[in-house]
Amino acid sequence: MINRFFLSDALRYGAILGVIMGLSRVFEIYLFNCTEVDIVPRVIIILVESLTVVVVYLWLMYKFTKRHSMRYSPSQGFSFFRGLAFMLLLSMLTSIVVGAANYIYIEIIGYENYIWNSIARITEMFESLPGGVGENGETLDDVVAILRDKPKPSMFDSLFSSTYTYLVGGLICGLCLAAMAEKRPESESDQNNFEE
């Protein structure tokens, strides 16, 4: 049986997670394509931000699931599968907001601009590698060709890509987090012992 607050909690918490993750995604795209910051500090900032966002995402998933579990009476408990289902729904709703934010931001900056900036940044990275572009030229040419030939993704493509990523991540993380949020149902004898 699904608690009547299951969907409303998932929508509310999914929207919060989606906004946080969507803003993070937009920041990563912006920073990757930013020319005002040198490559090494830019990569370090992106790595630190990405790790921080993963930790925040996992913490909020657990916190929101734990908060949702309080809606169930002690006699009902909160099962592992209920927690996992809630986390998967949270992940799906989050992914929709992230996919939409990604698509809208790329539309605002222009897809061609996004691709050419990406090619320039990747070329810059290859130039900073030991051996420079000379030794890594074939790989760089392959990466540039893939980016140039990549068709502009539709809104559906962005949403599907985001949903797939977040559902797989939600499932993997949810297996551990749902076990942590699980509450066994209390029997009547447990409740009577607690009251005495």
C-alpha atoms as a PDB file:
ATOM      1  CA  MET A   1       0.000   0.000   0.000  1.00  0.00           C
ATOM      2  CA  ILE A   2       1.307   3.437  -0.963  1.00  0.00           C
ATOM      3  CA  ASN A   3       1.028   6.241   1.547  1.00  0.00           C
ATOM      4  CA  ARG A   4      -1.047   9.184   0.281  1.00  0.00           C
ATOM      5  CA  PHE A   5       1.959  11.473   0.724  1.00  0.00           C
ATOM      6  CA  PHE A   6       4.231   9.331  -1.485  1.00  0.00           C
ATOM      7  CA  LEU A   7       3.720  11.305  -4.694  1.00  0.00           C
ATOM      8  CA  SER A   8       3.418  14.762  -3.116  1.00  0.00           C
ATOM      9  CA  ASP A   9       6.648  14.285  -1.118  1.00  0.00           C
ATOM     10  CA  ALA A  10       8.434  12.910  -4.188  1.00  0.00           C
ATOM     11  CA  LEU A  11       7.300  15.875  -6.327  1.00  0.00           C
ATOM     12  CA  ARG A  12       8.369  18.438  -3.732  1.00  0.00           C
ATOM     13  CA  TYR A  13      11.712  16.858  -2.886  1.00  0.00           C
ATOM     14  CA  GLY A  14      12.374  15.935  -6.527  1.00  0.00           C
ATOM     15  CA  ALA A  15      11.859  19.581  -7.529  1.00  0.00           C
ATOM     16  CA  ILE A  16      14.322  20.744  -4.841  1.00  0.00           C
ATOM     17  CA  LEU A  17      16.934  18.170  -5.898  1.00  0.00           C
ATOM     18  CA  GLY A  18      16.294  18.951  -9.561  1.00  0.00           C
ATOM     19  CA  VAL A  19      16.907  22.668  -9.108  1.00  0.00           C
ATOM     20  CA  ILE A  20      20.138  22.048  -7.168  1.00  0.00           C
ATOM     21  CA  MET A  21      21.427  19.473  -9.670  1.00  0.00           C
ATOM     22  CA  GLY A  22      20.244  21.545 -12.649  1.00  0.00           C
ATOM     23  CA  LEU A  23      22.079  24.637 -11.422  1.00  0.00           C
ATOM     24  CA  SER A  24      25.155  22.484 -10.854  1.00  0.00           C
ATOM     25  CA  ARG A  25      24.954  21.150 -14.421  1.00  0.00           C
ATOM     26  CA  VAL A  26      24.603  24.673 -15.871  1.00  0.00           C
ATOM     27  CA  PHE A  27      27.580  25.838 -13.769  1.00  0.00           C
ATOM     28  CA  GLU A  28      29.706  22.924 -15.046  1.00  0.00           C
ATOM     29  CA  ILE A  29      28.877  23.712 -18.692  1.00  0.00           C
ATOM     30  CA  TYR A  30      29.547  27.400 -18.131  1.00  0.00           C
ATOM     31  CA  LEU A  31      32.849  26.781 -16.369  1.00  0.00           C
ATOM     32  CA  PHE A  32      34.014  24.220 -18.934  1.00  0.00           C
ATOM     33  CA  ASN A  33      33.428  26.723 -21.745  1.00  0.00           C
ATOM     34  CA  CYS A  34      34.741  29.717 -19.781  1.00  0.00           C
ATOM     35  CA  THR A  35      37.813  31.362 -21.319  1.00  0.00           C
ATOM     36  CA  GLU A  36      38.534  33.760 -18.431  1.00  0.00           C
ATOM     37  CA  VAL A  37      39.841  30.999 -16.141  1.00  0.00           C
ATOM     38  CA  ASP A  38      43.021  29.029 -16.877  1.00  0.00           C
ATOM     39  CA  ILE A  39      42.691  25.328 -17.577  1.00  0.00           C
ATOM     40  CA  VAL A  40      44.201  23.914 -14.353  1.00  0.00           C
ATOM     41  CA  PRO A  41      42.090  25.999 -11.931  1.00  0.00           C
ATOM     42  CA  ARG A  42      39.038  25.329 -14.106  1.00  0.00           C
ATOM     43  CA  VAL A  43      39.527  21.553 -13.975  1.00  0.00           C
ATOM     44  CA  ILE A  44      40.150  21.670 -10.220  1.00  0.00           C
ATOM     45  CA  ILE A  45      36.999  23.755  -9.647  1.00  0.00           C
ATOM     46  CA  ILE A  46      34.921  21.384 -11.787  1.00  0.00           C
ATOM     47  CA  LEU A  47      36.265  18.318  -9.938  1.00  0.00           C
ATOM     48  CA  VAL A  48      35.679  19.831  -6.485  1.00  0.00           C
ATOM     49  CA  GLU A  49      32.204  21.033  -7.485  1.00  0.00           C
ATOM     50  CA  SER A  50      31.311  17.630  -8.965  1.00  0.00           C
ATOM     51  CA  LEU A  51      32.407  15.737  -5.851  1.00  0.00           C
ATOM     52  CA  THR A  52      30.585  18.205  -3.604  1.00  0.00           C
ATOM     53  CA  VAL A  53      27.410  17.857  -5.659  1.00  0.00           C
ATOM     54  CA  VAL A  54      27.545  14.048  -5.443  1.00  0.00           C
ATOM     55  CA  VAL A  55      27.873  14.219  -1.648  1.00  0.00           C
ATOM     56  CA  VAL A  56      25.058  16.788  -1.387  1.00  0.00           C
ATOM     57  CA  TYR A  57      22.851  14.707  -3.699  1.00  0.00           C
ATOM     58  CA  LEU A  58      23.351  11.526  -1.661  1.00  0.00           C
ATOM     59  CA  TRP A  59      22.830  13.354   1.630  1.00  0.00           C
ATOM     60  CA  LEU A  60      19.618  15.012   0.393  1.00  0.00           C
ATOM     61  CA  MET A  61      18.309  11.736  -1.066  1.00  0.00           C
ATOM     62  CA  TYR A  62      18.784  10.076   2.312  1.00  0.00           C
ATOM     63  CA  LYS A  63      17.435  13.060   4.272  1.00  0.00           C
ATOM     64  CA  PHE A  64      14.314  13.390   2.081  1.00  0.00           C
ATOM     65  CA  THR A  65      13.657   9.644   2.181  1.00  0.00           C
ATOM     66  CA  LYS A  66      14.081   9.596   5.958  1.00  0.00           C
ATOM     67  CA  ARG A  67      11.724  12.579   6.264  1.00  0.00           C
ATOM     68  CA  HIS A  68       9.190  10.799   4.044  1.00  0.00           C
ATOM     69  CA  SER A  69       9.490   7.655   6.171  1.00  0.00           C
ATOM     70  CA  MET A  70       8.185   9.649   9.163  1.00  0.00           C
ATOM     71  CA  ARG A  71       4.797   9.783   7.414  1.00  0.00           C
ATOM     72  CA  TYR A  72       4.327   6.063   8.112  1.00  0.00           C
ATOM     73  CA  SER A  73       3.070   4.873  11.465  1.00  0.00           C
ATOM     74  CA  PRO A  74       5.325   2.718  13.683  1.00  0.00           C
ATOM     75  CA  SER A  75       2.998  -0.235  13.077  1.00  0.00           C
ATOM     76  CA  GLN A  76       3.467   0.169   9.300  1.00  0.00           C
ATOM     77  CA  GLY A  77       7.184   0.714   9.333  1.00  0.00           C
ATOM     78  CA  PHE A  78       9.078   1.802   6.240  1.00  0.00           C
ATOM     79  CA  SER A  79      10.322  -1.086   4.141  1.00  0.00           C
ATOM     80  CA  PHE A  80      13.502  -1.255   2.102  1.00  0.00           C
ATOM     81  CA  PHE A  81      11.483  -1.563  -1.135  1.00  0.00           C
ATOM     82  CA  ARG A  82       9.294   1.411  -0.274  1.00  0.00           C
ATOM     83  CA  GLY A  83      12.445   3.463   0.367  1.00  0.00           C
ATOM     84  CA  LEU A  84      14.034   2.276  -2.871  1.00  0.00           C
ATOM     85  CA  ALA A  85      10.862   3.072  -4.860  1.00  0.00           C
ATOM     86  CA  PHE A  86      10.762   6.542  -3.309  1.00  0.00           C
ATOM     87  CA  MET A  87      14.432   7.169  -4.170  1.00  0.00           C
ATOM     88  CA  LEU A  88      13.945   5.982  -7.754  1.00  0.00           C
ATOM     89  CA  LEU A  89      10.972   8.316  -8.154  1.00  0.00           C
ATOM     90  CA  LEU A  90      13.044  11.149  -6.652  1.00  0.00           C
ATOM     91  CA  SER A  91      15.849  10.348  -9.106  1.00  0.00           C
ATOM     92  CA  MET A  92      13.469  10.327 -12.055  1.00  0.00           C
ATOM     93  CA  LEU A  93      11.886  13.662 -11.113  1.00  0.00           C
ATOM     94  CA  THR A  94      15.320  15.184 -10.472  1.00  0.00           C
ATOM     95  CA  SER A  95      16.531  13.980 -13.861  1.00  0.00           C
ATOM     96  CA  ILE A  96      13.636  15.662 -15.665  1.00  0.00           C
ATOM     97  CA  VAL A  97      14.517  19.044 -14.150  1.00  0.00           C
ATOM     98  CA  VAL A  98      18.247  18.529 -14.853  1.00  0.00           C
ATOM     99  CA  GLY A  99      17.606  17.485 -18.463  1.00  0.00           C
ATOM    100  CA  ALA A 100      15.354  20.490 -19.020  1.00  0.00           C
ATOM    101  CA  ALA A 101      17.908  22.875 -17.434  1.00  0.00           C
ATOM    102  CA  ASN A 102      20.689  21.426 -19.592  1.00  0.00           C
ATOM    103  CA  TYR A 103      18.618  21.764 -22.769  1.00  0.00           C
ATOM    104  CA  ILE A 104      17.438  25.299 -22.007  1.00  0.00           C
ATOM    105  CA  TYR A 105      20.938  26.541 -21.120  1.00  0.00           C
ATOM    106  CA  ILE A 106      22.421  25.135 -24.334  1.00  0.00           C
ATOM    107  CA  GLU A 107      19.558  26.746 -26.266  1.00  0.00           C
ATOM    108  CA  ILE A 108      20.335  30.097 -24.622  1.00  0.00           C
ATOM    109  CA  ILE A 109      24.063  30.010 -25.409  1.00  0.00           C
ATOM    110  CA  GLY A 110      23.478  28.428 -28.832  1.00  0.00           C
ATOM    111  CA  TYR A 111      24.335  24.876 -29.809  1.00  0.00           C
ATOM    112  CA  GLU A 112      26.969  25.873 -32.394  1.00  0.00           C
ATOM    113  CA  ASN A 113      28.617  28.168 -29.849  1.00  0.00           C
ATOM    114  CA  TYR A 114      28.541  25.357 -27.283  1.00  0.00           C
ATOM    115  CA  ILE A 115      30.180  22.862 -29.695  1.00  0.00           C
ATOM    116  CA  TRP A 116      32.903  25.278 -30.865  1.00  0.00           C
ATOM    117  CA  ASN A 117      33.680  26.315 -27.283  1.00  0.00           C
ATOM    118  CA  SER A 118      33.868  22.637 -26.305  1.00  0.00           C
ATOM    119  CA  ILE A 119      36.257  21.931 -29.198  1.00  0.00           C
ATOM    120  CA  ALA A 120      38.425  24.908 -28.169  1.00  0.00           C
ATOM    121  CA  ARG A 121      38.541  23.757 -24.527  1.00  0.00           C
ATOM    122  CA  ILE A 122      39.352  20.142 -25.458  1.00  0.00           C
ATOM    123  CA  THR A 123      42.093  21.324 -27.821  1.00  0.00           C
ATOM    124  CA  GLU A 124      43.443  23.461 -24.971  1.00  0.00           C
ATOM    125  CA  MET A 125      43.489  20.395 -22.712  1.00  0.00           C
ATOM    126  CA  PHE A 126      45.326  18.311 -25.313  1.00  0.00           C
ATOM    127  CA  GLU A 127      47.901  21.080 -25.734  1.00  0.00           C
ATOM    128  CA  SER A 128      48.628  20.951 -22.000  1.00  0.00           C
ATOM    129  CA  LEU A 129      49.264  17.162 -22.040  1.00  0.00           C
ATOM    130  CA  PRO A 130      52.835  15.839 -22.130  1.00  0.00           C
ATOM    131  CA  GLY A 131      53.779  15.669 -25.811  1.00  0.00           C
ATOM    132  CA  GLY A 132      51.163  18.271 -26.685  1.00  0.00           C
ATOM    133  CA  VAL A 133      48.971  17.950 -29.742  1.00  0.00           C
ATOM    134  CA  GLY A 134      51.830  16.348 -31.724  1.00  0.00           C
ATOM    135  CA  GLU A 135      51.740  12.980 -29.939  1.00  0.00           C
ATOM    136  CA  ASN A 136      48.014  13.105 -29.211  1.00  0.00           C
ATOM    137  CA  GLY A 137      46.931  14.587 -32.546  1.00  0.00           C
ATOM    138  CA  GLU A 138      45.028  11.549 -33.835  1.00  0.00           C
ATOM    139  CA  THR A 139      43.002  11.262 -30.642  1.00  0.00           C
ATOM    140  CA  LEU A 140      42.251  14.979 -30.703  1.00  0.00           C
ATOM    141  CA  ASP A 141      41.181  14.758 -34.352  1.00  0.00           C
ATOM    142  CA  ASP A 142      38.831  11.874 -33.483  1.00  0.00           C
ATOM    143  CA  VAL A 143      37.297  13.770 -30.552  1.00  0.00           C
ATOM    144  CA  VAL A 144      36.857  16.941 -32.643  1.00  0.00           C
ATOM    145  CA  ALA A 145      35.259  14.930 -35.489  1.00  0.00           C
ATOM    146  CA  ILE A 146      32.809  13.324 -33.071  1.00  0.00           C
ATOM    147  CA  LEU A 147      31.845  16.707 -31.622  1.00  0.00           C
ATOM    148  CA  ARG A 148      31.446  18.332 -35.060  1.00  0.00           C
ATOM    149  CA  ASP A 149      29.284  15.475 -36.354  1.00  0.00           C
ATOM    150  CA  LYS A 150      27.140  15.294 -33.230  1.00  0.00           C
ATOM    151  CA  PRO A 151      23.620  16.409 -34.127  1.00  0.00           C
ATOM    152  CA  LYS A 152      21.854  18.889 -31.905  1.00  0.00           C
ATOM    153  CA  PRO A 153      19.960  16.900 -29.271  1.00  0.00           C
ATOM    154  CA  SER A 154      16.228  17.393 -28.961  1.00  0.00           C
ATOM    155  CA  MET A 155      14.529  18.104 -25.648  1.00  0.00           C
ATOM    156  CA  PHE A 156      13.538  14.428 -25.572  1.00  0.00           C
ATOM    157  CA  ASP A 157      17.183  13.354 -26.089  1.00  0.00           C
ATOM    158  CA  SER A 158      18.313  15.583 -23.206  1.00  0.00           C
ATOM    159  CA  LEU A 159      15.578  14.281 -20.910  1.00  0.00           C
ATOM    160  CA  PHE A 160      16.217  10.637 -21.831  1.00  0.00           C
ATOM    161  CA  SER A 161      19.973  10.947 -21.309  1.00  0.00           C
ATOM    162  CA  SER A 162      19.495  12.645 -17.956  1.00  0.00           C
ATOM    163  CA  THR A 163      16.801  10.190 -16.839  1.00  0.00           C
ATOM    164  CA  TYR A 164      18.923   7.177 -17.746  1.00  0.00           C
ATOM    165  CA  THR A 165      21.923   8.557 -15.836  1.00  0.00           C
ATOM    166  CA  TYR A 166      19.942   9.503 -12.731  1.00  0.00           C
ATOM    167  CA  LEU A 167      17.908   6.283 -12.624  1.00  0.00           C
ATOM    168  CA  VAL A 168      21.029   4.109 -12.810  1.00  0.00           C
ATOM    169  CA  GLY A 169      22.727   6.297 -10.174  1.00  0.00           C
ATOM    170  CA  GLY A 170      19.550   6.336  -8.064  1.00  0.00           C
ATOM    171  CA  LEU A 171      19.320   2.552  -8.190  1.00  0.00           C
ATOM    172  CA  ILE A 172      22.953   2.015  -7.219  1.00  0.00           C
ATOM    173  CA  CYS A 173      22.902   4.592  -4.399  1.00  0.00           C
ATOM    174  CA  GLY A 174      19.344   3.728  -3.420  1.00  0.00           C
ATOM    175  CA  LEU A 175      20.269   0.143  -2.609  1.00  0.00           C
ATOM    176  CA  CYS A 176      22.482   1.373   0.236  1.00  0.00           C
ATOM    177  CA  LEU A 177      20.474   4.435   1.278  1.00  0.00           C
ATOM    178  CA  ALA A 178      17.134   2.571   1.348  1.00  0.00           C
ATOM    179  CA  ALA A 179      18.622   0.049   3.774  1.00  0.00           C
ATOM    180  CA  MET A 180      19.712   2.948   6.012  1.00  0.00           C
ATOM    181  CA  ALA A 181      16.239   4.550   5.905  1.00  0.00           C
ATOM    182  CA  GLU A 182      14.394   1.287   6.564  1.00  0.00           C
ATOM    183  CA  LYS A 183      12.228   1.071   9.726  1.00  0.00           C
ATOM    184  CA  ARG A 184      10.880  -2.274  10.808  1.00  0.00           C
ATOM    185  CA  PRO A 185       7.197  -2.283  11.788  1.00  0.00           C
ATOM    186  CA  GLU A 186       6.636  -2.351  15.513  1.00  0.00           C
ATOM    187  CA  SER A 187       4.404  -5.112  16.834  1.00  0.00           C
ATOM    188  CA  GLU A 188       1.742  -4.352  19.425  1.00  0.00           C
ATOM    189  CA  SER A 189       3.856  -5.970  22.151  1.00  0.00           C
ATOM    190  CA  ASP A 190       6.749  -3.621  21.256  1.00  0.00           C
ATOM    191  CA  GLN A 191       4.438  -0.627  21.514  1.00  0.00           C
ATOM    192  CA  ASN A 192       3.009  -1.829  24.861  1.00  0.00           C
ATOM    193  CA  ASN A 193       6.526  -2.364  26.264  1.00  0.00           C
ATOM    194  CA  PHE A 194       7.509   1.135  25.182  1.00  0.00           C
ATOM    195  CA  GLU A 195       4.435   2.675  26.806  1.00  0.00           C
ATOM    196  CA  GLU A 196       5.099   0.907  30.124  1.00  0.00           C
END
